[in-house]
Protein backbone atom coordinates (compact mmCIF):
# COMPACT_ATOMS: atom_id res chain seq x y z
CA MET A 1 142.93 -90.66 -4.32
CA LEU A 2 139.98 -88.57 -3.18
CA GLU A 3 142.11 -86.87 -0.54
CA SER A 4 144.81 -85.94 -3.06
CA THR A 5 142.11 -84.58 -5.37
CA GLN A 6 140.63 -82.46 -2.57
CA LYS A 7 144.04 -81.02 -1.66
CA GLY A 8 145.09 -80.39 -5.26
CA SER A 9 143.56 -78.35 -8.05
CA LEU A 10 140.11 -79.91 -7.60
CA ASP A 11 140.41 -81.56 -11.02
CA ILE A 12 138.50 -84.78 -10.42
CA THR A 13 139.63 -86.55 -13.59
CA ARG A 14 142.16 -88.79 -11.79
CA TRP A 15 139.65 -89.59 -9.05
CA GLN A 16 136.96 -90.44 -11.61
CA ASP A 17 139.42 -92.70 -13.44
CA TRP A 18 140.32 -94.45 -10.17
CA PHE A 19 136.68 -94.79 -9.12
CA LEU A 20 135.50 -96.12 -12.48
CA ASN A 21 138.33 -98.67 -12.54
CA CYS A 22 137.28 -99.84 -9.05
CA LEU A 23 133.69 -100.09 -10.24
CA LEU A 24 134.74 -102.04 -13.33
CA ARG A 25 136.71 -104.54 -11.22
CA ALA A 26 133.71 -104.98 -8.92
CA ILE A 27 131.36 -105.58 -11.84
CA GLU A 28 133.75 -108.05 -13.47
CA GLY A 29 134.12 -109.92 -10.18
CA ALA A 30 130.36 -110.08 -9.76
CA GLN A 31 129.99 -111.37 -13.32
CA GLU A 32 132.49 -114.16 -12.63
CA ILE A 33 130.66 -115.20 -9.48
CA LEU A 34 127.27 -115.05 -11.17
CA SER A 35 128.57 -117.09 -14.11
CA ALA A 36 129.80 -119.82 -11.77
CA VAL A 37 126.50 -119.89 -9.89
CA LEU A 38 124.49 -120.09 -13.11
CA ASN A 39 126.70 -122.89 -14.44
CA LYS A 40 126.09 -124.91 -11.27
CA ALA A 41 122.35 -124.21 -11.46
CA ARG A 42 122.25 -125.37 -15.10
CA PHE A 43 124.14 -128.52 -14.18
CA TRP A 44 121.75 -129.43 -11.39
CA GLU A 45 118.75 -128.57 -13.57
CA ARG A 46 120.07 -130.84 -16.30
CA PHE A 47 120.58 -133.78 -13.95
CA ALA A 48 117.59 -133.15 -11.66
CA GLN A 49 115.76 -136.26 -12.88
CA GLU A 50 118.85 -138.49 -13.06
CA PRO A 51 119.47 -140.90 -10.21
CA LEU A 52 122.83 -139.92 -8.70
CA ASN A 53 124.58 -141.86 -5.99
CA GLU A 54 126.09 -140.18 -2.93
CA ARG A 55 129.57 -140.00 -4.47
CA GLN A 56 128.29 -138.34 -7.63
CA ILE A 57 126.34 -135.77 -5.66
């Protein structure tokens, strides 16, 4: 996309749109990962004092 912008009219609108969409996907992916990590941390915090057997762990 950047190459086609450089060889065209130098209007960077399409490139900015492409770049911001890539950035949005990266942020959304990071949010999903962080959400899963925080859910696991909350789970283990909640059951930190509970005796769990090997299978439950």
